[in-house]
PDB file of N, CA and C in Angstrom:
ATOM      1  N   MET A   1     153.670 133.112  50.547  1.00  0.00           N
ATOM      2  CA  MET A   1     152.377 132.536  50.833  1.00  0.00           C
ATOM      3  C   MET A   1     152.719 131.833  52.078  1.00  0.00           C
ATOM      4  N   ILE A   2     151.646 132.122  53.281  1.00  0.00           N
ATOM      5  CA  ILE A   2     151.254 131.492  54.059  1.00  0.00           C
ATOM      6  C   ILE A   2     150.221 130.470  54.205  1.00  0.00           C
ATOM      7  N   THR A   3     150.686 129.670  54.294  1.00  0.00           N
ATOM      8  CA  THR A   3     149.243 128.407  53.968  1.00  0.00           C
ATOM      9  C   THR A   3     148.574 128.368  55.329  1.00  0.00           C
ATOM     10  N   ASP A   4     147.315 127.577  55.955  1.00  0.00           N
ATOM     11  CA  ASP A   4     146.789 127.790  56.842  1.00  0.00           C
ATOM     12  C   ASP A   4     147.636 126.542  57.856  1.00  0.00           C
ATOM     13  N   LYS A   5     148.178 125.443  57.066  1.00  0.00           N
ATOM     14  CA  LYS A   5     148.798 124.872  58.114  1.00  0.00           C
ATOM     15  C   LYS A   5     150.213 125.799  58.986  1.00  0.00           C
ATOM     16  N   LEU A   6     150.848 126.428  57.923  1.00  0.00           N
ATOM     17  CA  LEU A   6     151.640 127.146  58.440  1.00  0.00           C
ATOM     18  C   LEU A   6     151.247 128.091  59.551  1.00  0.00           C
ATOM     19  N   LEU A   7     150.255 128.849  59.305  1.00  0.00           N
ATOM     20  CA  LEU A   7     149.471 129.655  60.252  1.00  0.00           C
ATOM     21  C   LEU A   7     148.701 129.264  61.623  1.00  0.00           C
ATOM     22  N   GLU A   8     148.600 128.088  61.229  1.00  0.00           N
ATOM     23  CA  GLU A   8     148.205 127.058  62.563  1.00  0.00           C
ATOM     24  C   GLU A   8     149.416 126.959  63.432  1.00  0.00           C
ATOM     25  N   THR A   9     150.280 126.279  62.740  1.00  0.00           N
ATOM     26  CA  THR A   9     151.855 126.045  63.248  1.00  0.00           C
ATOM     27  C   THR A   9     152.524 127.215  64.004  1.00  0.00           C
ATOM     28  N   LEU A  10     152.562 128.230  63.681  1.00  0.00           N
ATOM     29  CA  LEU A  10     153.173 129.542  64.214  1.00  0.00           C
ATOM     30  C   LEU A  10     152.158 129.832  64.859  1.00  0.00           C
ATOM     31  N   THR A  11     150.860 130.032  65.171  1.00  0.00           N
ATOM     32  CA  THR A  11     150.207 130.247  65.866  1.00  0.00           C
ATOM     33  C   THR A  11     149.941 129.270  67.027  1.00  0.00           C
ATOM     34  N   GLN A  12     150.097 127.991  67.127  1.00  0.00           N
ATOM     35  CA  GLN A  12     150.061 126.892  68.008  1.00  0.00           C
ATOM     36  C   GLN A  12     151.640 127.289  68.965  1.00  0.00           C
ATOM     37  N   PHE A  13     152.876 127.738  68.490  1.00  0.00           N
ATOM     38  CA  PHE A  13     153.850 128.315  69.362  1.00  0.00           C
ATOM     39  C   PHE A  13     154.172 129.559  69.710  1.00  0.00           C
ATOM     40  N   GLY A  14     152.813 130.379  69.546  1.00  0.00           N
ATOM     41  CA  GLY A  14     152.952 131.337  70.257  1.00  0.00           C
ATOM     42  C   GLY A  14     153.915 132.566  68.892  1.00  0.00           C
ATOM     43  N   ILE A  15     154.268 131.989  67.781  1.00  0.00           N
ATOM     44  CA  ILE A  15     155.142 133.011  67.352  1.00  0.00           C
ATOM     45  C   ILE A  15     154.230 133.939  66.515  1.00  0.00           C
ATOM     46  N   LEU A  16     152.959 133.749  65.975  1.00  0.00           N
ATOM     47  CA  LEU A  16     152.252 135.016  65.421  1.00  0.00           C
ATOM     48  C   LEU A  16     150.555 134.238  65.547  1.00  0.00           C
ATOM     49  N   SER A  17     149.728 135.421  65.797  1.00  0.00           N
ATOM     50  CA  SER A  17     148.671 135.270  66.310  1.00  0.00           C
ATOM     51  C   SER A  17     147.933 135.502  64.964  1.00  0.00           C
ATOM     52  N   ASP A  18     146.300 134.981  64.646  1.00  0.00           N
ATOM     53  CA  ASP A  18     145.520 134.692  63.519  1.00  0.00           C
ATOM     54  C   ASP A  18     145.353 136.480  63.177  1.00  0.00           C
ATOM     55  N   TRP A  19     144.896 137.066  63.951  1.00  0.00           N
ATOM     56  CA  TRP A  19     144.685 138.606  64.080  1.00  0.00           C
ATOM     57  C   TRP A  19     145.620 139.326  64.460  1.00  0.00           C
ATOM     58  N   VAL A  20     146.092 140.273  63.584  1.00  0.00           N
ATOM     59  CA  VAL A  20     147.325 140.924  64.182  1.00  0.00           C
ATOM     60  C   VAL A  20     147.080 142.428  63.225  1.00  0.00           C
ATOM     61  N   SER A  21     148.255 143.318  63.851  1.00  0.00           N
ATOM     62  CA  SER A  21     148.297 144.840  63.332  1.00  0.00           C
ATOM     63  C   SER A  21     148.235 145.065  61.580  1.00  0.00           C
ATOM     64  N   ALA A  22     147.903 146.337  60.935  1.00  0.00           N
ATOM     65  CA  ALA A  22     147.655 146.411  59.957  1.00  0.00           C
ATOM     66  C   ALA A  22     149.388 145.810  59.448  1.00  0.00           C
ATOM     67  N   GLU A  23     150.332 146.584  60.296  1.00  0.00           N
ATOM     68  CA  GLU A  23     151.617 146.302  59.610  1.00  0.00           C
ATOM     69  C   GLU A  23     152.187 145.019  59.683  1.00  0.00           C
ATOM     70  N   VAL A  24     151.632 143.650  60.524  1.00  0.00           N
ATOM     71  CA  VAL A  24     152.167 142.888  60.299  1.00  0.00           C
ATOM     72  C   VAL A  24     151.443 142.320  59.073  1.00  0.00           C
ATOM     73  N   PHE A  25     150.070 142.384  59.480  1.00  0.00           N
ATOM     74  CA  PHE A  25     149.150 141.658  58.078  1.00  0.00           C
ATOM     75  C   PHE A  25     149.662 141.947  56.902  1.00  0.00           C
ATOM     76  N   CYS A  26     150.614 143.092  56.620  1.00  0.00           N
ATOM     77  CA  CYS A  26     151.298 143.855  55.247  1.00  0.00           C
ATOM     78  C   CYS A  26     152.631 142.856  54.994  1.00  0.00           C
ATOM     79  N   LYS A  27     153.120 142.554  56.107  1.00  0.00           N
ATOM     80  CA  LYS A  27     154.271 141.893  55.938  1.00  0.00           C
ATOM     81  C   LYS A  27     154.089 140.180  55.842  1.00  0.00           C
ATOM     82  N   VAL A  28     152.785 139.497  56.007  1.00  0.00           N
ATOM     83  CA  VAL A  28     152.583 138.483  56.068  1.00  0.00           C
ATOM     84  C   VAL A  28     151.927 138.149  54.536  1.00  0.00           C
ATOM     85  N   THR A  29     151.157 139.706  53.833  1.00  0.00           N
ATOM     86  CA  THR A  29     150.431 139.173  52.923  1.00  0.00           C
ATOM     87  C   THR A  29     150.908 139.719  51.854  1.00  0.00           C
ATOM     88  N   GLY A  30     151.989 140.963  51.978  1.00  0.00           N
ATOM     89  CA  GLY A  30     152.131 141.214  50.783  1.00  0.00           C
ATOM     90  C   GLY A  30     151.250 142.562  50.172  1.00  0.00           C
ATOM     91  N   GLN A  31     150.117 142.923  50.826  1.00  0.00           N
ATOM     92  CA  GLN A  31     149.508 144.612  50.912  1.00  0.00           C
ATOM     93  C   GLN A  31     150.240 145.481  51.206  1.00  0.00           C
ATOM     94  N   LYS A  32     149.843 146.559  50.951  1.00  0.00           N
ATOM     95  CA  LYS A  32     150.471 147.941  51.157  1.00  0.00           C
ATOM     96  C   LYS A  32     149.635 148.411  52.253  1.00  0.00           C
ATOM     97  N   GLN A  33     150.118 149.110  52.805  1.00  0.00           N
ATOM     98  CA  GLN A  33     149.214 149.414  54.376  1.00  0.00           C
ATOM     99  C   GLN A  33     148.055 150.581  53.992  1.00  0.00           C
ATOM    100  N   SER A  34     148.832 151.413  53.022  1.00  0.00           N
ATOM    101  CA  SER A  34     148.441 152.470  52.131  1.00  0.00           C
ATOM    102  C   SER A  34     146.864 152.448  51.687  1.00  0.00           C
ATOM    103  N   ASN A  35     146.879 150.834  51.085  1.00  0.00           N
ATOM    104  CA  ASN A  35     145.655 150.424  50.493  1.00  0.00           C
ATOM    105  C   ASN A  35     144.555 149.840  51.364  1.00  0.00           C
ATOM    106  N   LEU A  36     144.579 149.551  52.564  1.00  0.00           N
ATOM    107  CA  LEU A  36     144.107 149.119  53.452  1.00  0.00           C
ATOM    108  C   LEU A  36     142.818 149.149  53.552  1.00  0.00           C
ATOM    109  N   HIS A  37     142.761 150.673  53.888  1.00  0.00           N
ATOM    110  CA  HIS A  37     141.457 151.233  53.671  1.00  0.00           C
ATOM    111  C   HIS A  37     140.471 151.042  53.087  1.00  0.00           C
ATOM    112  N   ASN A  38     140.806 151.393  51.676  1.00  0.00           N
ATOM    113  CA  ASN A  38     140.133 150.912  50.216  1.00  0.00           C
ATOM    114  C   ASN A  38     139.567 149.566  50.362  1.00  0.00           C
ATOM    115  N   LYS A  39     140.683 148.497  50.794  1.00  0.00           N
ATOM    116  CA  LYS A  39     140.861 147.078  50.725  1.00  0.00           C
ATOM    117  C   LYS A  39     139.348 146.627  51.488  1.00  0.00           C
ATOM    118  N   ARG A  40     139.305 147.081  52.946  1.00  0.00           N
ATOM    119  CA  ARG A  40     138.535 146.867  53.487  1.00  0.00           C
ATOM    120  C   ARG A  40     137.097 146.679  53.321  1.00  0.00           C
ATOM    121  N   LYS A  41     136.766 147.811  52.076  1.00  0.00           N
ATOM    122  CA  LYS A  41     135.513 147.660  51.701  1.00  0.00           C
ATOM    123  C   LYS A  41     134.945 146.574  50.844  1.00  0.00           C
ATOM    124  N   LEU A  42     135.962 145.956  50.562  1.00  0.00           N
ATOM    125  CA  LEU A  42     135.872 144.369  49.527  1.00  0.00           C
ATOM    126  C   LEU A  42     135.628 143.221  50.692  1.00  0.00           C
ATOM    127  N   TRP A  43     136.464 143.338  51.984  1.00  0.00           N
ATOM    128  CA  TRP A  43     136.608 142.226  52.621  1.00  0.00           C
ATOM    129  C   TRP A  43     135.476 142.149  53.543  1.00  0.00           C
ATOM    130  N   THR A  44     135.124 141.184  53.633  1.00  0.00           N
ATOM    131  CA  THR A  44     133.837 140.915  54.823  1.00  0.00           C
ATOM    132  C   THR A  44     134.611 141.383  56.588  1.00  0.00           C
ATOM    133  N   GLN A  45     133.713 142.241  57.044  1.00  0.00           N
ATOM    134  CA  GLN A  45     133.760 142.249  58.371  1.00  0.00           C
ATOM    135  C   GLN A  45     133.585 141.128  59.194  1.00  0.00           C
ATOM    136  N   GLY A  46     134.698 140.591  59.952  1.00  0.00           N
ATOM    137  CA  GLY A  46     134.614 140.032  60.946  1.00  0.00           C
ATOM    138  C   GLY A  46     135.494 138.583  60.225  1.00  0.00           C
ATOM    139  N   LEU A  47     135.399 138.583  59.395  1.00  0.00           N
ATOM    140  CA  LEU A  47     136.580 137.436  58.595  1.00  0.00           C
ATOM    141  C   LEU A  47     137.796 138.164  58.284  1.00  0.00           C
ATOM    142  N   VAL A  48     137.927 139.194  57.975  1.00  0.00           N
ATOM    143  CA  VAL A  48     139.008 139.284  57.416  1.00  0.00           C
ATOM    144  C   VAL A  48     139.878 140.591  58.411  1.00  0.00           C
ATOM    145  N   TRP A  49     138.758 141.487  58.510  1.00  0.00           N
ATOM    146  CA  TRP A  49     138.829 142.576  59.574  1.00  0.00           C
ATOM    147  C   TRP A  49     137.721 142.605  60.879  1.00  0.00           C
ATOM    148  N   VAL A  50     138.315 143.150  61.470  1.00  0.00           N
ATOM    149  CA  VAL A  50     137.448 143.740  62.331  1.00  0.00           C
ATOM    150  C   VAL A  50     137.933 145.238  63.611  1.00  0.00           C
ATOM    151  N   LYS A  51     136.693 145.781  63.462  1.00  0.00           N
ATOM    152  CA  LYS A  51     137.239 147.026  64.492  1.00  0.00           C
ATOM    153  C   LYS A  51     137.204 146.949  66.010  1.00  0.00           C
ATOM    154  N   LEU A  52     138.468 146.774  66.905  1.00  0.00           N
ATOM    155  CA  LEU A  52     138.135 146.850  68.232  1.00  0.00           C
ATOM    156  C   LEU A  52     137.600 147.852  69.035  1.00  0.00           C
ATOM    157  N   PRO A  53     137.069 147.769  70.135  1.00  0.00           N
ATOM    158  CA  PRO A  53     136.279 149.097  71.122  1.00  0.00           C
ATOM    159  C   PRO A  53     137.620 150.123  70.879  1.00  0.00           C
ATOM    160  N   SER A  54     138.624 149.800  71.271  1.00  0.00           N
ATOM    161  CA  SER A  54     139.362 150.893  71.075  1.00  0.00           C
ATOM    162  C   SER A  54     139.666 151.890  69.811  1.00  0.00           C
ATOM    163  N   HIS A  55     139.477 151.162  68.367  1.00  0.00           N
ATOM    164  CA  HIS A  55     138.908 151.659  67.317  1.00  0.00           C
ATOM    165  C   HIS A  55     140.132 151.975  66.636  1.00  0.00           C
ATOM    166  N   GLU A  56     141.125 150.299  66.874  1.00  0.00           N
ATOM    167  CA  GLU A  56     142.095 149.466  66.447  1.00  0.00           C
ATOM    168  C   GLU A  56     141.481 148.774  65.487  1.00  0.00           C
ATOM    169  N   ILE A  57     141.702 148.672  64.300  1.00  0.00           N
ATOM    170  CA  ILE A  57     141.839 147.414  63.150  1.00  0.00           C
ATOM    171  C   ILE A  57     142.803 146.378  63.184  1.00  0.00           C
ATOM    172  N   GLN A  58     141.810 145.337  63.533  1.00  0.00           N
ATOM    173  CA  GLN A  58     142.754 144.101  63.525  1.00  0.00           C
ATOM    174  C   GLN A  58     142.572 143.403  62.246  1.00  0.00           C
ATOM    175  N   TYR A  59     143.518 142.379  61.822  1.00  0.00           N
ATOM    176  CA  TYR A  59     143.180 141.693  60.132  1.00  0.00           C
ATOM    177  C   TYR A  59     143.287 140.275  60.738  1.00  0.00           C
ATOM    178  N   SER A  60     142.502 139.267  60.255  1.00  0.00           N
ATOM    179  CA  SER A  60     142.585 138.012  59.920  1.00  0.00           C
ATOM    180  C   SER A  60     143.471 137.503  58.866  1.00  0.00           C
ATOM    181  N   ILE A  61     144.816 136.874  58.919  1.00  0.00           N
ATOM    182  CA  ILE A  61     145.285 135.921  58.147  1.00  0.00           C
ATOM    183  C   ILE A  61     144.583 134.692  57.609  1.00  0.00           C
ATOM    184  N   ALA A  62     144.252 134.004  58.559  1.00  0.00           N
ATOM    185  CA  ALA A  62     143.336 132.804  57.844  1.00  0.00           C
ATOM    186  C   ALA A  62     142.155 133.559  57.458  1.00  0.00           C
ATOM    187  N   GLY A  63     141.357 134.612  57.973  1.00  0.00           N
ATOM    188  CA  GLY A  63     140.215 134.796  57.164  1.00  0.00           C
ATOM    189  C   GLY A  63     140.578 135.705  55.859  1.00  0.00           C
ATOM    190  N   TYR A  64     141.592 136.045  55.467  1.00  0.00           N
ATOM    191  CA  TYR A  64     142.164 136.722  54.221  1.00  0.00           C
ATOM    192  C   TYR A  64     142.510 135.622  53.119  1.00  0.00           C
ATOM    193  N   ASN A  65     143.385 134.398  53.914  1.00  0.00           N
ATOM    194  CA  ASN A  65     143.424 133.822  53.048  1.00  0.00           C
ATOM    195  C   ASN A  65     142.231 132.715  52.496  1.00  0.00           C
ATOM    196  N   LYS A  66     141.342 132.697  53.068  1.00  0.00           N
ATOM    197  CA  LYS A  66     139.643 132.382  52.603  1.00  0.00           C
ATOM    198  C   LYS A  66     139.175 132.953  51.680  1.00  0.00           C
ATOM    199  N   TRP A  67     139.102 134.290  52.018  1.00  0.00           N
ATOM    200  CA  TRP A  67     138.800 135.443  50.880  1.00  0.00           C
ATOM    201  C   TRP A  67     139.492 135.363  49.829  1.00  0.00           C
ATOM    202  N   VAL A  68     140.716 135.133  49.913  1.00  0.00           N
ATOM    203  CA  VAL A  68     141.615 134.545  48.375  1.00  0.00           C
ATOM    204  C   VAL A  68     141.201 133.765  47.613  1.00  0.00           C
ATOM    205  N   THR A  69     141.032 132.781  48.705  1.00  0.00           N
ATOM    206  CA  THR A  69     140.899 131.550  47.669  1.00  0.00           C
ATOM    207  C   THR A  69     139.476 131.218  47.202  1.00  0.00           C
ATOM    208  N   GLN A  70     138.337 131.985  47.731  1.00  0.00           N
ATOM    209  CA  GLN A  70     137.440 132.163  47.024  1.00  0.00           C
ATOM    210  C   GLN A  70     137.110 132.959  46.024  1.00  0.00           C
ATOM    211  N   GLN A  71     137.903 134.043  46.049  1.00  0.00           N
ATOM    212  CA  GLN A  71     138.099 134.727  45.136  1.00  0.00           C
ATOM    213  C   GLN A  71     138.418 134.302  43.711  1.00  0.00           C
ATOM    214  N   ALA A  72     139.304 133.471  43.953  1.00  0.00           N
ATOM    215  CA  ALA A  72     140.255 132.435  42.871  1.00  0.00           C
ATOM    216  C   ALA A  72     139.544 131.811  42.016  1.00  0.00           C
ATOM    217  N   GLN A  73     138.715 131.186  43.506  1.00  0.00           N
ATOM    218  CA  GLN A  73     137.694 129.877  42.492  1.00  0.00           C
ATOM    219  C   GLN A  73     136.723 130.595  42.151  1.00  0.00           C
ATOM    220  N   THR A  74     135.908 131.871  42.316  1.00  0.00           N
ATOM    221  CA  THR A  74     134.847 132.299  41.392  1.00  0.00           C
ATOM    222  C   THR A  74     135.085 133.244  40.353  1.00  0.00           C
ATOM    223  N   LYS A  75     136.129 134.111  40.634  1.00  0.00           N
ATOM    224  CA  LYS A  75     136.663 134.819  39.561  1.00  0.00           C
ATOM    225  C   LYS A  75     137.707 134.268  38.324  1.00  0.00           C
ATOM    226  N   HIS A  76     138.367 133.111  38.850  1.00  0.00           N
ATOM    227  CA  HIS A  76     139.202 132.756  37.527  1.00  0.00           C
ATOM    228  C   HIS A  76     139.353 131.138  37.897  1.00  0.00           C
ATOM    229  N   PRO A  77     137.812 130.815  37.458  1.00  0.00           N
ATOM    230  CA  PRO A  77     138.155 129.161  38.122  1.00  0.00           C
ATOM    231  C   PRO A  77     139.226 128.277  37.473  1.00  0.00           C
ATOM    232  N   GLU A  78     139.324 128.718  36.015  1.00  0.00           N
ATOM    233  CA  GLU A  78     139.982 127.652  35.001  1.00  0.00           C
ATOM    234  C   GLU A  78     141.324 128.055  35.406  1.00  0.00           C
ATOM    235  N   ALA A  79     141.799 129.134  35.896  1.00  0.00           N
ATOM    236  CA  ALA A  79     143.067 129.436  36.301  1.00  0.00           C
ATOM    237  C   ALA A  79     143.616 128.602  37.529  1.00  0.00           C
ATOM    238  N   PHE A  80     142.167 128.700  38.533  1.00  0.00           N
ATOM    239  CA  PHE A  80     142.337 127.703  39.848  1.00  0.00           C
ATOM    240  C   PHE A  80     142.657 126.065  39.539  1.00  0.00           C
ATOM    241  N   LYS A  81     141.817 125.646  39.049  1.00  0.00           N
ATOM    242  CA  LYS A  81     141.487 124.358  38.530  1.00  0.00           C
ATOM    243  C   LYS A  81     143.082 124.280  37.993  1.00  0.00           C
ATOM    244  N   PHE A  82     143.941 125.080  37.119  1.00  0.00           N
ATOM    245  CA  PHE A  82     145.184 124.186  36.676  1.00  0.00           C
ATOM    246  C   PHE A  82     145.845 124.399  37.621  1.00  0.00           C
ATOM    247  N   ALA A  83     145.972 125.531  38.267  1.00  0.00           N
ATOM    248  CA  ALA A  83     147.123 125.607  39.450  1.00  0.00           C
ATOM    249  C   ALA A  83     146.882 124.378  40.500  1.00  0.00           C
ATOM    250  N   MET A  84     145.807 124.195  40.595  1.00  0.00           N
ATOM    251  CA  MET A  84     145.435 122.840  41.792  1.00  0.00           C
ATOM    252  C   MET A  84     146.122 121.387  41.228  1.00  0.00           C
ATOM    253  N   GLU A  85     145.927 121.621  39.965  1.00  0.00           N
ATOM    254  CA  GLU A  85     146.274 120.380  39.188  1.00  0.00           C
ATOM    255  C   GLU A  85     147.477 120.070  38.816  1.00  0.00           C
ATOM    256  N   LYS A  86     148.007 121.625  38.747  1.00  0.00           N
ATOM    257  CA  LYS A  86     149.936 121.505  38.465  1.00  0.00           C
ATOM    258  C   LYS A  86     150.632 121.211  39.667  1.00  0.00           C
ATOM    259  N   CYS A  87     149.891 121.388  40.857  1.00  0.00           N
ATOM    260  CA  CYS A  87     150.347 121.184  42.171  1.00  0.00           C
ATOM    261  C   CYS A  87     149.765 119.717  42.737  1.00  0.00           C
ATOM    262  N   GLY A  88     148.928 119.067  41.779  1.00  0.00           N
ATOM    263  CA  GLY A  88     148.661 117.433  42.199  1.00  0.00           C
ATOM    264  C   GLY A  88     147.665 117.464  43.068  1.00  0.00           C
ATOM    265  N   LEU A  89     147.174 118.439  43.327  1.00  0.00           N
ATOM    266  CA  LEU A  89     145.760 118.619  43.932  1.00  0.00           C
ATOM    267  C   LEU A  89     144.303 118.708  43.287  1.00  0.00           C
ATOM    268  N   THR A  90     143.327 118.322  43.765  1.00  0.00           N
ATOM    269  CA  THR A  90     142.006 118.157  43.381  1.00  0.00           C
ATOM    270  C   THR A  90     141.389 119.589  44.443  1.00  0.00           C
ATOM    271  N   SER A  91     140.513 119.724  43.338  1.00  0.00           N
ATOM    272  CA  SER A  91     139.172 120.787  43.805  1.00  0.00           C
ATOM    273  C   SER A  91     138.319 119.648  44.375  1.00  0.00           C
ATOM    274  N   ASN A  92     137.959 118.591  44.919  1.00  0.00           N
ATOM    275  CA  ASN A  92     136.564 118.226  44.970  1.00  0.00           C
ATOM    276  C   ASN A  92     136.308 118.094  46.594  1.00  0.00           C
ATOM    277  N   GLY A  93     136.803 119.079  47.017  1.00  0.00           N
ATOM    278  CA  GLY A  93     136.274 119.271  48.348  1.00  0.00           C
ATOM    279  C   GLY A  93     137.446 118.900  49.281  1.00  0.00           C
ATOM    280  N   LYS A  94     138.303 117.929  49.413  1.00  0.00           N
ATOM    281  CA  LYS A  94     138.838 117.327  50.296  1.00  0.00           C
ATOM    282  C   LYS A  94     140.178 118.383  50.232  1.00  0.00           C
ATOM    283  N   ASP A  95     140.635 118.966  49.507  1.00  0.00           N
ATOM    284  CA  ASP A  95     141.528 119.966  49.751  1.00  0.00           C
ATOM    285  C   ASP A  95     141.136 121.561  50.163  1.00  0.00           C
ATOM    286  N   LYS A  96     139.970 121.608  51.119  1.00  0.00           N
ATOM    287  CA  LYS A  96     139.856 123.035  51.324  1.00  0.00           C
ATOM    288  C   LYS A  96     140.581 123.367  52.272  1.00  0.00           C
ATOM    289  N   ASP A  97     141.285 122.695  52.677  1.00  0.00           N
ATOM    290  CA  ASP A  97     142.303 123.841  53.338  1.00  0.00           C
ATOM    291  C   ASP A  97     143.355 124.317  52.715  1.00  0.00           C
ATOM    292  N   ILE A  98     143.448 124.456  51.673  1.00  0.00           N
ATOM    293  CA  ILE A  98     144.776 124.826  50.307  1.00  0.00           C
ATOM    294  C   ILE A  98     143.919 126.590  50.137  1.00  0.00           C
ATOM    295  N   THR A  99     145.157 127.178  50.348  1.00  0.00           N
ATOM    296  CA  THR A  99     145.139 128.781  50.535  1.00  0.00           C
ATOM    297  C   THR A  99     145.999 129.072  49.191  1.00  0.00           C
ATOM    298  N   LEU A 100     145.767 130.160  48.805  1.00  0.00           N
ATOM    299  CA  LEU A 100     146.362 131.058  47.458  1.00  0.00           C
ATOM    300  C   LEU A 100     146.456 132.391  48.268  1.00  0.00           C
ATOM    301  N   ARG A 101     148.229 132.955  47.846  1.00  0.00           N
ATOM    302  CA  ARG A 101     148.078 134.217  48.496  1.00  0.00           C
ATOM    303  C   ARG A 101     147.200 135.094  47.291  1.00  0.00           C
ATOM    304  N   SER A 102     146.918 135.058  46.295  1.00  0.00           N
ATOM    305  CA  SER A 102     146.373 135.873  45.337  1.00  0.00           C
ATOM    306  C   SER A 102     145.770 135.122  44.574  1.00  0.00           C
ATOM    307  N   PRO A 103     144.460 135.786  43.874  1.00  0.00           N
ATOM    308  CA  PRO A 103     143.945 134.811  42.570  1.00  0.00           C
ATOM    309  C   PRO A 103     145.247 134.769  41.546  1.00  0.00           C
ATOM    310  N   LEU A 104     144.981 133.624  40.798  1.00  0.00           N
ATOM    311  CA  LEU A 104     146.198 133.237  40.109  1.00  0.00           C
ATOM    312  C   LEU A 104     145.770 133.657  38.576  1.00  0.00           C
ATOM    313  N   LYS A 105     147.005 134.161  37.730  1.00  0.00           N
ATOM    314  CA  LYS A 105     147.042 134.334  36.420  1.00  0.00           C
ATOM    315  C   LYS A 105     147.573 133.788  36.129  1.00  0.00           C
ATOM    316  N   PRO A 106     147.602 132.850  35.105  1.00  0.00           N
ATOM    317  CA  PRO A 106     148.523 132.099  34.190  1.00  0.00           C
ATOM    318  C   PRO A 106     149.074 132.656  33.649  1.00  0.00           C
ATOM    319  N   THR A 107     150.240 132.440  32.571  1.00  0.00           N
ATOM    320  CA  THR A 107     151.199 132.907  31.814  1.00  0.00           C
ATOM    321  C   THR A 107     150.647 132.943  30.913  1.00  0.00           C
ATOM    322  N   HIS A 108     150.860 133.445  29.892  1.00  0.00           N
ATOM    323  CA  HIS A 108     150.306 132.972  28.264  1.00  0.00           C
ATOM    324  C   HIS A 108     150.714 131.794  28.099  1.00  0.00           C
ATOM    325  N   ARG A 109     151.995 131.362  28.345  1.00  0.00           N
ATOM    326  CA  ARG A 109     152.197 129.763  27.781  1.00  0.00           C
ATOM    327  C   ARG A 109     151.169 128.761  28.298  1.00  0.00           C
ATOM    328  N   GLU A 110     150.851 129.206  29.938  1.00  0.00           N
ATOM    329  CA  GLU A 110     149.674 128.259  30.404  1.00  0.00           C
ATOM    330  C   GLU A 110     148.308 128.627  29.775  1.00  0.00           C
ATOM    331  N   TYR A 111     147.693 129.828  29.429  1.00  0.00           N
ATOM    332  CA  TYR A 111     146.268 130.147  28.680  1.00  0.00           C
ATOM    333  C   TYR A 111     146.908 128.922  27.229  1.00  0.00           C
ATOM    334  N   ASN A 112     147.915 128.863  26.939  1.00  0.00           N
ATOM    335  CA  ASN A 112     147.603 128.500  25.467  1.00  0.00           C
ATOM    336  C   ASN A 112     147.251 126.868  25.722  1.00  0.00           C
ATOM    337  N   LYS A 113     148.093 126.359  26.888  1.00  0.00           N
ATOM    338  CA  LYS A 113     147.819 125.054  27.106  1.00  0.00           C
ATOM    339  C   LYS A 113     146.760 124.698  27.427  1.00  0.00           C
ATOM    340  N   LEU A 114     146.107 125.689  28.347  1.00  0.00           N
ATOM    341  CA  LEU A 114     144.402 125.454  28.765  1.00  0.00           C
ATOM    342  C   LEU A 114     143.940 125.110  27.201  1.00  0.00           C
ATOM    343  N   ALA A 115     143.846 125.708  26.161  1.00  0.00           N
ATOM    344  CA  ALA A 115     143.447 126.184  25.305  1.00  0.00           C
ATOM    345  C   ALA A 115     143.414 125.013  24.345  1.00  0.00           C
ATOM    346  N   GLU A 116     144.806 124.334  24.565  1.00  0.00           N
ATOM    347  CA  GLU A 116     144.721 123.513  23.784  1.00  0.00           C
ATOM    348  C   GLU A 116     143.971 122.122  24.470  1.00  0.00           C
ATOM    349  N   LEU A 117     144.192 122.018  25.469  1.00  0.00           N
ATOM    350  CA  LEU A 117     143.424 121.135  26.479  1.00  0.00           C
ATOM    351  C   LEU A 117     141.848 121.144  26.055  1.00  0.00           C
ATOM    352  N   GLU A 118     141.194 122.338  25.982  1.00  0.00           N
ATOM    353  CA  GLU A 118     139.768 122.676  25.852  1.00  0.00           C
ATOM    354  C   GLU A 118     139.492 122.197  24.482  1.00  0.00           C
ATOM    355  N   VAL A 119     140.077 122.496  23.479  1.00  0.00           N
ATOM    356  CA  VAL A 119     140.341 122.046  22.096  1.00  0.00           C
ATOM    357  C   VAL A 119     140.235 119.992  22.064  1.00  0.00           C
ATOM    358  N   SER A 120     141.186 119.461  22.401  1.00  0.00           N
ATOM    359  CA  SER A 120     140.859 118.380  22.742  1.00  0.00           C
ATOM    360  C   SER A 120     140.211 117.393  23.094  1.00  0.00           C
TER     361      SER A 120
END
């Protein structure tokens, strides 16, 4: 996982640019290059990807991180909250720069633990 802070540091030292080619994007995010065309339909143009005048597609690692975090918060709110608490973080707005690589799916044991907490 590449966090916003790590991305900022890598970008600051010229090691990595936020807007990268499909090949670099896939290496950093774990996406498959063959899936990018279909994924672009889900991602916001201008935030996660752009088409340059040269017809080359560039991808934003920071934009992707924001999209994934928003998806996790929207589609898996309990899992997201559980993960944030497990990391010792809160989702009260102070930690907006926290990003996740993919929507979290707790293990069966973690779901049971969540169920126990909801019952009590």
